[in-house]
């Protein structure tokens, strides 16, 4: 079926819709990724993920960060490898820091 993920045999495309580096919901047509808004690139998909995953409350004082929620904070996002990093500032208490959504976390247990 044309336009479905993996239909064109594009590199990285598989029949189950999972491909490396291509967000879910994006298919292929003639080897070119096709999403909801191809003329704007990946922005609409990234903006939706940001709205869904961005921290809503300050970890220091629990005040709302978003102006839409009545807060006085700032949240912006950048990526490092597979990790998504949210840089946050809370205008209510002055807290600032990074909140990382990691694909995988490896920890250790302290020796007793």
PDB file of N, CA and C in Angstrom:
ATOM      1  N   UNK A   1       0.849  -1.185   0.000  1.00  0.00           N
ATOM      2  CA  UNK A   1       0.000   0.000   0.000  1.00  0.00           C
ATOM      3  C   UNK A   1       0.888   1.239   0.000  1.00  0.00           C
ATOM      4  N   UNK A   2       0.780   2.098  -0.972  1.00  0.00           N
ATOM      5  CA  UNK A   2       1.627   3.284  -1.093  1.00  0.00           C
ATOM      6  C   UNK A   2       1.348   4.250   0.041  1.00  0.00           C
ATOM      7  N   UNK A   3       2.418   4.830   0.580  1.00  0.00           N
ATOM      8  CA  UNK A   3       2.283   5.819   1.644  1.00  0.00           C
ATOM      9  C   UNK A   3       2.301   5.218   3.030  1.00  0.00           C
ATOM     10  N   UNK A   4       2.222   3.880   3.138  1.00  0.00           N
ATOM     11  CA  UNK A   4       2.277   3.276   4.461  1.00  0.00           C
ATOM     12  C   UNK A   4       3.725   3.047   4.834  1.00  0.00           C
ATOM     13  N   UNK A   5       4.040   2.966   6.138  1.00  0.00           N
ATOM     14  CA  UNK A   5       5.422   2.791   6.549  1.00  0.00           C
ATOM     15  C   UNK A   5       6.021   1.534   5.947  1.00  0.00           C
ATOM     16  N   UNK A   6       7.149   1.684   5.336  1.00  0.00           N
ATOM     17  CA  UNK A   6       7.881   0.567   4.795  1.00  0.00           C
ATOM     18  C   UNK A   6       7.398   0.096   3.432  1.00  0.00           C
ATOM     19  N   UNK A   7       6.378   0.711   2.878  1.00  0.00           N
ATOM     20  CA  UNK A   7       5.812   0.241   1.628  1.00  0.00           C
ATOM     21  C   UNK A   7       6.758   0.416   0.461  1.00  0.00           C
ATOM     22  N   UNK A   8       7.612   1.431   0.509  1.00  0.00           N
ATOM     23  CA  UNK A   8       8.476   1.692  -0.635  1.00  0.00           C
ATOM     24  C   UNK A   8       9.817   1.002  -0.512  1.00  0.00           C
ATOM     25  N   UNK A   9      10.061   0.350   0.645  1.00  0.00           N
ATOM     26  CA  UNK A   9      11.354  -0.273   0.840  1.00  0.00           C
ATOM     27  C   UNK A   9      12.431   0.741   1.143  1.00  0.00           C
ATOM     28  N   UNK A  10      12.043   1.903   1.642  1.00  0.00           N
ATOM     29  CA  UNK A  10      13.017   2.939   1.971  1.00  0.00           C
ATOM     30  C   UNK A  10      13.949   2.440   3.058  1.00  0.00           C
ATOM     31  N   UNK A  11      15.212   2.876   3.061  1.00  0.00           N
ATOM     32  CA  UNK A  11      16.145   2.452   4.083  1.00  0.00           C
ATOM     33  C   UNK A  11      15.606   2.779   5.460  1.00  0.00           C
ATOM     34  N   UNK A  12      15.690   1.799   6.353  1.00  0.00           N
ATOM     35  CA  UNK A  12      15.238   2.009   7.725  1.00  0.00           C
ATOM     36  C   UNK A  12      13.754   1.814   7.904  1.00  0.00           C
ATOM     37  N   UNK A  13      13.004   1.653   6.833  1.00  0.00           N
ATOM     38  CA  UNK A  13      11.563   1.477   6.957  1.00  0.00           C
ATOM     39  C   UNK A  13      11.265   0.011   7.165  1.00  0.00           C
ATOM     40  N   UNK A  14      10.379  -0.284   8.094  1.00  0.00           N
ATOM     41  CA  UNK A  14       9.973  -1.656   8.321  1.00  0.00           C
ATOM     42  C   UNK A  14       8.469  -1.731   8.250  1.00  0.00           C
ATOM     43  N   UNK A  15       7.956  -2.916   8.050  1.00  0.00           N
ATOM     44  CA  UNK A  15       6.529  -3.106   7.893  1.00  0.00           C
ATOM     45  C   UNK A  15       5.721  -2.765   9.130  1.00  0.00           C
ATOM     46  N   UNK A  16       6.350  -2.735  10.326  1.00  0.00           N
ATOM     47  CA  UNK A  16       5.595  -2.452  11.546  1.00  0.00           C
ATOM     48  C   UNK A  16       5.530  -0.968  11.863  1.00  0.00           C
ATOM     49  N   UNK A  17       6.045  -0.105  10.995  1.00  0.00           N
ATOM     50  CA  UNK A  17       5.967   1.333  11.198  1.00  0.00           C
ATOM     51  C   UNK A  17       7.120   1.894  12.000  1.00  0.00           C
ATOM     52  N   UNK A  18       8.027   1.042  12.488  1.00  0.00           N
ATOM     53  CA  UNK A  18       9.150   1.531  13.281  1.00  0.00           C
ATOM     54  C   UNK A  18      10.351   1.718  12.377  1.00  0.00           C
ATOM     55  N   UNK A  19      10.942   2.890  12.364  1.00  0.00           N
ATOM     56  CA  UNK A  19      12.154   3.145  11.610  1.00  0.00           C
ATOM     57  C   UNK A  19      13.060   4.045  12.429  1.00  0.00           C
ATOM     58  N   UNK A  20      14.332   3.850  12.249  1.00  0.00           N
ATOM     59  CA  UNK A  20      15.301   4.625  13.005  1.00  0.00           C
ATOM     60  C   UNK A  20      15.255   6.092  12.604  1.00  0.00           C
ATOM     61  N   UNK A  21      15.079   6.978  13.557  1.00  0.00           N
ATOM     62  CA  UNK A  21      15.125   8.406  13.302  1.00  0.00           C
ATOM     63  C   UNK A  21      13.854   9.011  12.753  1.00  0.00           C
ATOM     64  N   UNK A  22      12.821   8.204  12.527  1.00  0.00           N
ATOM     65  CA  UNK A  22      11.571   8.731  11.976  1.00  0.00           C
ATOM     66  C   UNK A  22      10.492   8.574  13.037  1.00  0.00           C
ATOM     67  N   UNK A  23       9.829   9.655  13.441  1.00  0.00           N
ATOM     68  CA  UNK A  23       8.812   9.584  14.487  1.00  0.00           C
ATOM     69  C   UNK A  23       7.642   8.693  14.098  1.00  0.00           C
ATOM     70  N   UNK A  24       6.950   8.162  15.118  1.00  0.00           N
ATOM     71  CA  UNK A  24       5.766   7.353  14.882  1.00  0.00           C
ATOM     72  C   UNK A  24       4.731   8.183  14.125  1.00  0.00           C
ATOM     73  N   UNK A  25       3.986   7.548  13.260  1.00  0.00           N
ATOM     74  CA  UNK A  25       2.956   8.246  12.503  1.00  0.00           C
ATOM     75  C   UNK A  25       3.438   8.823  11.190  1.00  0.00           C
ATOM     76  N   UNK A  26       4.720   8.608  10.877  1.00  0.00           N
ATOM     77  CA  UNK A  26       5.274   9.120   9.630  1.00  0.00           C
ATOM     78  C   UNK A  26       5.541   7.935   8.716  1.00  0.00           C
ATOM     79  N   UNK A  27       5.039   7.986   7.506  1.00  0.00           N
ATOM     80  CA  UNK A  27       5.233   6.920   6.542  1.00  0.00           C
ATOM     81  C   UNK A  27       6.191   7.344   5.453  1.00  0.00           C
ATOM     82  N   UNK A  28       6.277   6.543   4.406  1.00  0.00           N
ATOM     83  CA  UNK A  28       7.151   6.847   3.280  1.00  0.00           C
ATOM     84  C   UNK A  28       6.340   6.861   1.999  1.00  0.00           C
ATOM     85  N   UNK A  29       6.677   7.766   1.120  1.00  0.00           N
ATOM     86  CA  UNK A  29       6.096   7.808  -0.206  1.00  0.00           C
ATOM     87  C   UNK A  29       7.239   8.104  -1.164  1.00  0.00           C
ATOM     88  N   UNK A  30       7.525   7.194  -2.055  1.00  0.00           N
ATOM     89  CA  UNK A  30       8.636   7.321  -3.002  1.00  0.00           C
ATOM     90  C   UNK A  30       9.959   7.574  -2.284  1.00  0.00           C
ATOM     91  N   UNK A  31      10.137   6.931  -1.111  1.00  0.00           N
ATOM     92  CA  UNK A  31      11.390   7.034  -0.373  1.00  0.00           C
ATOM     93  C   UNK A  31      11.528   8.281   0.475  1.00  0.00           C
ATOM     94  N   UNK A  32      10.532   9.169   0.476  1.00  0.00           N
ATOM     95  CA  UNK A  32      10.575  10.413   1.245  1.00  0.00           C
ATOM     96  C   UNK A  32       9.640  10.305   2.447  1.00  0.00           C
ATOM     97  N   UNK A  33      10.092  10.686   3.671  1.00  0.00           N
ATOM     98  CA  UNK A  33       9.197  10.643   4.820  1.00  0.00           C
ATOM     99  C   UNK A  33       8.006  11.576   4.622  1.00  0.00           C
ATOM    100  N   UNK A  34       6.824  11.084   4.931  1.00  0.00           N
ATOM    101  CA  UNK A  34       5.611  11.877   4.788  1.00  0.00           C
ATOM    102  C   UNK A  34       4.870  11.855   6.113  1.00  0.00           C
ATOM    103  N   UNK A  35       4.604  13.024   6.671  1.00  0.00           N
ATOM    104  CA  UNK A  35       3.894  13.116   7.933  1.00  0.00           C
ATOM    105  C   UNK A  35       2.667  13.977   7.787  1.00  0.00           C
ATOM    106  N   UNK A  36       2.164  14.437   8.904  1.00  0.00           N
ATOM    107  CA  UNK A  36       0.951  15.241   8.908  1.00  0.00           C
ATOM    108  C   UNK A  36       1.166  16.581   8.201  1.00  0.00           C
ATOM    109  N   UNK A  37       2.377  17.124   8.252  1.00  0.00           N
ATOM    110  CA  UNK A  37       2.645  18.441   7.696  1.00  0.00           C
ATOM    111  C   UNK A  37       4.034  18.424   7.054  1.00  0.00           C
ATOM    112  N   UNK A  38       4.142  17.828   5.876  1.00  0.00           N
ATOM    113  CA  UNK A  38       5.440  17.625   5.253  1.00  0.00           C
ATOM    114  C   UNK A  38       6.142  18.942   4.913  1.00  0.00           C
ATOM    115  N   UNK A  39       5.409  20.003   4.659  1.00  0.00           N
ATOM    116  CA  UNK A  39       6.024  21.274   4.295  1.00  0.00           C
ATOM    117  C   UNK A  39       6.701  21.958   5.473  1.00  0.00           C
ATOM    118  N   UNK A  40       6.315  21.610   6.692  1.00  0.00           N
ATOM    119  CA  UNK A  40       6.922  22.213   7.884  1.00  0.00           C
ATOM    120  C   UNK A  40       7.912  21.271   8.543  1.00  0.00           C
ATOM    121  N   UNK A  41       8.252  20.177   7.908  1.00  0.00           N
ATOM    122  CA  UNK A  41       9.227  19.245   8.458  1.00  0.00           C
ATOM    123  C   UNK A  41       8.679  18.510   9.671  1.00  0.00           C
ATOM    124  N   UNK A  42       9.541  18.339  10.666  1.00  0.00           N
ATOM    125  CA  UNK A  42       9.163  17.577  11.862  1.00  0.00           C
ATOM    126  C   UNK A  42       8.511  18.451  12.921  1.00  0.00           C
ATOM    127  N   UNK A  43       8.418  19.745  12.709  1.00  0.00           N
ATOM    128  CA  UNK A  43       7.958  20.651  13.763  1.00  0.00           C
ATOM    129  C   UNK A  43       6.624  20.266  14.402  1.00  0.00           C
ATOM    130  N   UNK A  44       5.569  19.970  13.633  1.00  0.00           N
ATOM    131  CA  UNK A  44       4.285  19.654  14.290  1.00  0.00           C
ATOM    132  C   UNK A  44       4.363  18.450  15.223  1.00  0.00           C
ATOM    133  N   UNK A  45       5.108  17.419  14.833  1.00  0.00           N
ATOM    134  CA  UNK A  45       5.243  16.243  15.694  1.00  0.00           C
ATOM    135  C   UNK A  45       6.064  16.564  16.933  1.00  0.00           C
ATOM    136  N   UNK A  46       7.162  17.314  16.773  1.00  0.00           N
ATOM    137  CA  UNK A  46       7.980  17.698  17.926  1.00  0.00           C
ATOM    138  C   UNK A  46       7.231  18.623  18.867  1.00  0.00           C
ATOM    139  N   UNK A  47       6.446  19.546  18.326  1.00  0.00           N
ATOM    140  CA  UNK A  47       5.686  20.476  19.166  1.00  0.00           C
ATOM    141  C   UNK A  47       4.656  19.723  20.005  1.00  0.00           C
ATOM    142  N   UNK A  48       4.019  18.730  19.421  1.00  0.00           N
ATOM    143  CA  UNK A  48       3.034  17.938  20.173  1.00  0.00           C
ATOM    144  C   UNK A  48       3.713  17.147  21.290  1.00  0.00           C
ATOM    145  N   UNK A  49       4.863  16.553  21.011  1.00  0.00           N
ATOM    146  CA  UNK A  49       5.608  15.826  22.045  1.00  0.00           C
ATOM    147  C   UNK A  49       6.041  16.777  23.156  1.00  0.00           C
ATOM    148  N   UNK A  50       6.461  17.988  22.800  1.00  0.00           N
ATOM    149  CA  UNK A  50       6.875  18.962  23.806  1.00  0.00           C
ATOM    150  C   UNK A  50       5.698  19.337  24.702  1.00  0.00           C
ATOM    151  N   UNK A  51       4.548  19.622  24.108  1.00  0.00           N
ATOM    152  CA  UNK A  51       3.362  19.970  24.911  1.00  0.00           C
ATOM    153  C   UNK A  51       2.973  18.841  25.848  1.00  0.00           C
ATOM    154  N   UNK A  52       3.096  17.606  25.380  1.00  0.00           N
ATOM    155  CA  UNK A  52       2.713  16.449  26.188  1.00  0.00           C
ATOM    156  C   UNK A  52       3.706  16.178  27.324  1.00  0.00           C
ATOM    157  N   UNK A  53       5.007  16.313  27.071  1.00  0.00           N
ATOM    158  CA  UNK A  53       6.025  15.853  28.009  1.00  0.00           C
ATOM    159  C   UNK A  53       6.688  16.942  28.843  1.00  0.00           C
ATOM    160  N   UNK A  54       6.515  18.209  28.510  1.00  0.00           N
ATOM    161  CA  UNK A  54       7.190  19.286  29.243  1.00  0.00           C
ATOM    162  C   UNK A  54       6.707  19.321  30.697  1.00  0.00           C
ATOM    163  N   UNK A  55       7.627  19.569  31.641  1.00  0.00           N
ATOM    164  CA  UNK A  55       7.228  19.674  33.048  1.00  0.00           C
ATOM    165  C   UNK A  55       6.209  20.793  33.229  1.00  0.00           C
ATOM    166  N   UNK A  56       5.188  20.537  34.013  1.00  0.00           N
ATOM    167  CA  UNK A  56       4.138  21.527  34.242  1.00  0.00           C
ATOM    168  C   UNK A  56       4.317  22.281  35.556  1.00  0.00           C
ATOM    169  N   UNK A  57       5.017  21.653  36.503  1.00  0.00           N
ATOM    170  CA  UNK A  57       5.161  22.248  37.832  1.00  0.00           C
ATOM    171  C   UNK A  57       6.624  22.265  38.250  1.00  0.00           C
ATOM    172  N   UNK A  58       6.979  23.236  39.052  1.00  0.00           N
ATOM    173  CA  UNK A  58       8.340  23.385  39.566  1.00  0.00           C
ATOM    174  C   UNK A  58       8.655  22.253  40.547  1.00  0.00           C
ATOM    175  N   UNK A  59       9.808  21.577  40.399  1.00  0.00           N
ATOM    176  CA  UNK A  59      10.179  20.538  41.350  1.00  0.00           C
ATOM    177  C   UNK A  59      10.539  21.107  42.726  1.00  0.00           C
ATOM    178  N   UNK A  60      10.838  22.410  42.794  1.00  0.00           N
ATOM    179  CA  UNK A  60      11.225  23.017  44.063  1.00  0.00           C
ATOM    180  C   UNK A  60      10.062  23.485  44.914  1.00  0.00           C
ATOM    181  N   UNK A  61       9.039  24.088  44.279  1.00  0.00           N
ATOM    182  CA  UNK A  61       7.939  24.665  45.069  1.00  0.00           C
ATOM    183  C   UNK A  61       6.554  24.255  44.580  1.00  0.00           C
ATOM    184  N   UNK A  62       6.471  23.469  43.525  1.00  0.00           N
ATOM    185  CA  UNK A  62       5.219  22.953  42.953  1.00  0.00           C
ATOM    186  C   UNK A  62       4.355  24.037  42.299  1.00  0.00           C
ATOM    187  N   UNK A  63       4.898  25.223  42.057  1.00  0.00           N
ATOM    188  CA  UNK A  63       4.145  26.268  41.348  1.00  0.00           C
ATOM    189  C   UNK A  63       4.083  25.913  39.863  1.00  0.00           C
ATOM    190  N   UNK A  64       3.027  26.356  39.200  1.00  0.00           N
ATOM    191  CA  UNK A  64       2.899  26.116  37.762  1.00  0.00           C
ATOM    192  C   UNK A  64       4.022  26.841  37.022  1.00  0.00           C
ATOM    193  N   UNK A  65       4.581  26.195  36.001  1.00  0.00           N
ATOM    194  CA  UNK A  65       5.637  26.812  35.197  1.00  0.00           C
ATOM    195  C   UNK A  65       5.076  27.525  33.975  1.00  0.00           C
ATOM    196  N   UNK A  66       4.050  26.975  33.372  1.00  0.00           N
ATOM    197  CA  UNK A  66       3.502  27.503  32.132  1.00  0.00           C
ATOM    198  C   UNK A  66       2.664  28.751  32.368  1.00  0.00           C
ATOM    199  N   UNK A  67       2.830  29.736  31.501  1.00  0.00           N
ATOM    200  CA  UNK A  67       2.001  30.936  31.583  1.00  0.00           C
ATOM    201  C   UNK A  67       0.526  30.591  31.389  1.00  0.00           C
ATOM    202  N   UNK A  68       0.245  29.573  30.561  1.00  0.00           N
ATOM    203  CA  UNK A  68      -1.135  29.162  30.314  1.00  0.00           C
ATOM    204  C   UNK A  68      -1.791  28.614  31.577  1.00  0.00           C
ATOM    205  N   UNK A  69      -0.981  28.087  32.493  1.00  0.00           N
ATOM    206  CA  UNK A  69      -1.499  27.550  33.756  1.00  0.00           C
ATOM    207  C   UNK A  69      -1.418  28.574  34.882  1.00  0.00           C
ATOM    208  N   UNK A  70      -1.109  29.815  34.562  1.00  0.00           N
ATOM    209  CA  UNK A  70      -0.997  30.859  35.581  1.00  0.00           C
ATOM    210  C   UNK A  70       0.371  30.956  36.225  1.00  0.00           C
ATOM    211  N   UNK A  71       1.349  30.263  35.671  1.00  0.00           N
ATOM    212  CA  UNK A  71       2.699  30.271  36.237  1.00  0.00           C
ATOM    213  C   UNK A  71       3.538  31.418  35.722  1.00  0.00           C
ATOM    214  N   UNK A  72       4.734  31.525  36.277  1.00  0.00           N
ATOM    215  CA  UNK A  72       5.683  32.570  35.871  1.00  0.00           C
ATOM    216  C   UNK A  72       7.026  31.942  35.549  1.00  0.00           C
ATOM    217  N   UNK A  73       6.990  30.810  34.869  1.00  0.00           N
ATOM    218  CA  UNK A  73       8.220  30.094  34.587  1.00  0.00           C
ATOM    219  C   UNK A  73       8.516  30.014  33.113  1.00  0.00           C
ATOM    220  N   UNK A  74       9.570  29.273  32.812  1.00  0.00           N
ATOM    221  CA  UNK A  74      10.033  29.095  31.447  1.00  0.00           C
ATOM    222  C   UNK A  74      10.498  27.659  31.294  1.00  0.00           C
ATOM    223  N   UNK A  75      10.082  27.003  30.217  1.00  0.00           N
ATOM    224  CA  UNK A  75      10.536  25.650  29.909  1.00  0.00           C
ATOM    225  C   UNK A  75      10.898  25.603  28.434  1.00  0.00           C
ATOM    226  N   UNK A  76      12.121  25.191  28.139  1.00  0.00           N
ATOM    227  CA  UNK A  76      12.534  25.001  26.755  1.00  0.00           C
ATOM    228  C   UNK A  76      13.204  23.638  26.649  1.00  0.00           C
ATOM    229  N   UNK A  77      13.249  23.084  25.452  1.00  0.00           N
ATOM    230  CA  UNK A  77      13.725  21.719  25.263  1.00  0.00           C
ATOM    231  C   UNK A  77      14.861  21.669  24.253  1.00  0.00           C
ATOM    232  N   UNK A  78      15.832  20.786  24.534  1.00  0.00           N
ATOM    233  CA  UNK A  78      16.857  20.460  23.549  1.00  0.00           C
ATOM    234  C   UNK A  78      17.174  18.977  23.669  1.00  0.00           C
ATOM    235  N   UNK A  79      17.935  18.457  22.714  1.00  0.00           N
ATOM    236  CA  UNK A  79      18.227  17.038  22.679  1.00  0.00           C
ATOM    237  C   UNK A  79      19.721  16.822  22.751  1.00  0.00           C
ATOM    238  N   UNK A  80      20.106  15.757  23.476  1.00  0.00           N
ATOM    239  CA  UNK A  80      21.492  15.287  23.482  1.00  0.00           C
ATOM    240  C   UNK A  80      21.445  13.789  23.227  1.00  0.00           C
ATOM    241  N   UNK A  81      21.811  13.379  22.043  1.00  0.00           N
ATOM    242  CA  UNK A  81      21.723  11.962  21.685  1.00  0.00           C
ATOM    243  C   UNK A  81      20.269  11.517  21.719  1.00  0.00           C
ATOM    244  N   UNK A  82      19.985  10.488  22.484  1.00  0.00           N
ATOM    245  CA  UNK A  82      18.632   9.961  22.611  1.00  0.00           C
ATOM    246  C   UNK A  82      17.846  10.641  23.725  1.00  0.00           C
ATOM    247  N   UNK A  83      18.506  11.460  24.550  1.00  0.00           N
ATOM    248  CA  UNK A  83      17.851  12.095  25.692  1.00  0.00           C
ATOM    249  C   UNK A  83      17.213  13.416  25.305  1.00  0.00           C
ATOM    250  N   UNK A  84      16.075  13.701  25.926  1.00  0.00           N
ATOM    251  CA  UNK A  84      15.403  14.992  25.759  1.00  0.00           C
ATOM    252  C   UNK A  84      15.602  15.761  27.057  1.00  0.00           C
ATOM    253  N   UNK A  85      16.109  16.988  26.965  1.00  0.00           N
ATOM    254  CA  UNK A  85      16.430  17.792  28.140  1.00  0.00           C
ATOM    255  C   UNK A  85      15.533  19.022  28.161  1.00  0.00           C
ATOM    256  N   UNK A  86      14.838  19.230  29.286  1.00  0.00           N
ATOM    257  CA  UNK A  86      14.003  20.410  29.479  1.00  0.00           C
ATOM    258  C   UNK A  86      14.732  21.354  30.438  1.00  0.00           C
ATOM    259  N   UNK A  87      15.070  22.532  29.958  1.00  0.00           N
ATOM    260  CA  UNK A  87      15.690  23.567  30.789  1.00  0.00           C
ATOM    261  C   UNK A  87      14.551  24.373  31.392  1.00  0.00           C
ATOM    262  N   UNK A  88      14.492  24.429  32.716  1.00  0.00           N
ATOM    263  CA  UNK A  88      13.361  25.053  33.408  1.00  0.00           C
ATOM    264  C   UNK A  88      13.823  26.184  34.315  1.00  0.00           C
ATOM    265  N   UNK A  89      12.959  27.183  34.437  1.00  0.00           N
ATOM    266  CA  UNK A  89      13.155  28.277  35.390  1.00  0.00           C
ATOM    267  C   UNK A  89      11.810  28.576  36.030  1.00  0.00           C
ATOM    268  N   UNK A  90      11.788  28.683  37.354  1.00  0.00           N
ATOM    269  CA  UNK A  90      10.565  29.008  38.081  1.00  0.00           C
ATOM    270  C   UNK A  90      10.669  30.436  38.605  1.00  0.00           C
ATOM    271  N   UNK A  91       9.751  31.286  38.161  1.00  0.00           N
ATOM    272  CA  UNK A  91       9.743  32.672  38.615  1.00  0.00           C
ATOM    273  C   UNK A  91       9.228  32.824  40.036  1.00  0.00           C
ATOM    274  N   UNK A  92       8.513  31.826  40.552  1.00  0.00           N
ATOM    275  CA  UNK A  92       7.963  31.910  41.909  1.00  0.00           C
ATOM    276  C   UNK A  92       9.039  31.736  42.977  1.00  0.00           C
ATOM    277  N   UNK A  93       9.934  30.757  42.796  1.00  0.00           N
ATOM    278  CA  UNK A  93      10.953  30.493  43.829  1.00  0.00           C
ATOM    279  C   UNK A  93      12.380  30.716  43.339  1.00  0.00           C
ATOM    280  N   UNK A  94      12.559  30.933  42.022  1.00  0.00           N
ATOM    281  CA  UNK A  94      13.889  31.166  41.486  1.00  0.00           C
ATOM    282  C   UNK A  94      14.649  29.902  41.123  1.00  0.00           C
ATOM    283  N   UNK A  95      14.023  28.724  41.274  1.00  0.00           N
ATOM    284  CA  UNK A  95      14.691  27.470  40.940  1.00  0.00           C
ATOM    285  C   UNK A  95      14.939  27.397  39.440  1.00  0.00           C
ATOM    286  N   UNK A  96      16.090  26.870  39.071  1.00  0.00           N
ATOM    287  CA  UNK A  96      16.364  26.590  37.671  1.00  0.00           C
ATOM    288  C   UNK A  96      17.163  25.303  37.584  1.00  0.00           C
ATOM    289  N   UNK A  97      16.961  24.576  36.511  1.00  0.00           N
ATOM    290  CA  UNK A  97      17.679  23.328  36.342  1.00  0.00           C
ATOM    291  C   UNK A  97      17.223  22.589  35.108  1.00  0.00           C
ATOM    292  N   UNK A  98      17.866  21.459  34.863  1.00  0.00           N
ATOM    293  CA  UNK A  98      17.542  20.613  33.725  1.00  0.00           C
ATOM    294  C   UNK A  98      16.773  19.388  34.199  1.00  0.00           C
ATOM    295  N   UNK A  99      15.739  19.035  33.465  1.00  0.00           N
ATOM    296  CA  UNK A  99      15.004  17.800  33.704  1.00  0.00           C
ATOM    297  C   UNK A  99      15.202  16.955  32.457  1.00  0.00           C
ATOM    298  N   UNK A 100      15.757  15.760  32.636  1.00  0.00           N
ATOM    299  CA  UNK A 100      16.129  14.910  31.512  1.00  0.00           C
ATOM    300  C   UNK A 100      15.159  13.740  31.400  1.00  0.00           C
ATOM    301  N   UNK A 101      14.588  13.567  30.210  1.00  0.00           N
ATOM    302  CA  UNK A 101      13.800  12.376  29.899  1.00  0.00           C
ATOM    303  C   UNK A 101      14.742  11.455  29.136  1.00  0.00           C
ATOM    304  N   UNK A 102      15.257  10.454  29.818  1.00  0.00           N
ATOM    305  CA  UNK A 102      16.227   9.561  29.218  1.00  0.00           C
ATOM    306  C   UNK A 102      15.552   8.318  28.681  1.00  0.00           C
ATOM    307  N   UNK A 103      16.069   7.808  27.583  1.00  0.00           N
ATOM    308  CA  UNK A 103      15.546   6.576  27.008  1.00  0.00           C
ATOM    309  C   UNK A 103      15.886   5.394  27.916  1.00  0.00           C
ATOM    310  N   UNK A 104      17.024   5.469  28.600  1.00  0.00           N
ATOM    311  CA  UNK A 104      17.444   4.386  29.483  1.00  0.00           C
ATOM    312  C   UNK A 104      18.280   4.962  30.609  1.00  0.00           C
ATOM    313  N   UNK A 105      18.048   4.492  31.816  1.00  0.00           N
ATOM    314  CA  UNK A 105      18.801   4.949  32.978  1.00  0.00           C
ATOM    315  C   UNK A 105      19.514   3.741  33.595  1.00  0.00           C
ATOM    316  N   UNK A 106      20.804   3.883  33.817  1.00  0.00           N
ATOM    317  CA  UNK A 106      21.577   2.835  34.466  1.00  0.00           C
ATOM    318  C   UNK A 106      22.071   3.372  35.793  1.00  0.00           C
ATOM    319  N   UNK A 107      21.780   2.657  36.848  1.00  0.00           N
ATOM    320  CA  UNK A 107      22.183   3.092  38.178  1.00  0.00           C
ATOM    321  C   UNK A 107      22.960   2.012  38.895  1.00  0.00           C
ATOM    322  N   UNK A 108      23.263   2.251  40.131  1.00  0.00           N
ATOM    323  CA  UNK A 108      23.972   1.273  40.944  1.00  0.00           C
ATOM    324  C   UNK A 108      23.420   1.313  42.357  1.00  0.00           C
ATOM    325  N   UNK A 109      23.688   0.259  43.104  1.00  0.00           N
ATOM    326  CA  UNK A 109      23.314   0.215  44.502  1.00  0.00           C
ATOM    327  C   UNK A 109      24.539   0.549  45.327  1.00  0.00           C
ATOM    328  N   UNK A 110      24.334   1.331  46.363  1.00  0.00           N
ATOM    329  CA  UNK A 110      25.453   1.680  47.238  1.00  0.00           C
ATOM    330  C   UNK A 110      25.907   0.449  48.026  1.00  0.00           C
ATOM    331  N   UNK A 111      27.199   0.357  48.252  1.00  0.00           N
ATOM    332  CA  UNK A 111      27.731  -0.744  49.050  1.00  0.00           C
ATOM    333  C   UNK A 111      27.314  -0.580  50.502  1.00  0.00           C
ATOM    334  N   UNK A 112      27.004  -1.712  51.140  1.00  0.00           N
ATOM    335  CA  UNK A 112      26.576  -1.633  52.549  1.00  0.00           C
ATOM    336  C   UNK A 112      27.719  -1.811  53.489  1.00  0.00           C
TER     337      UNK A 112
END
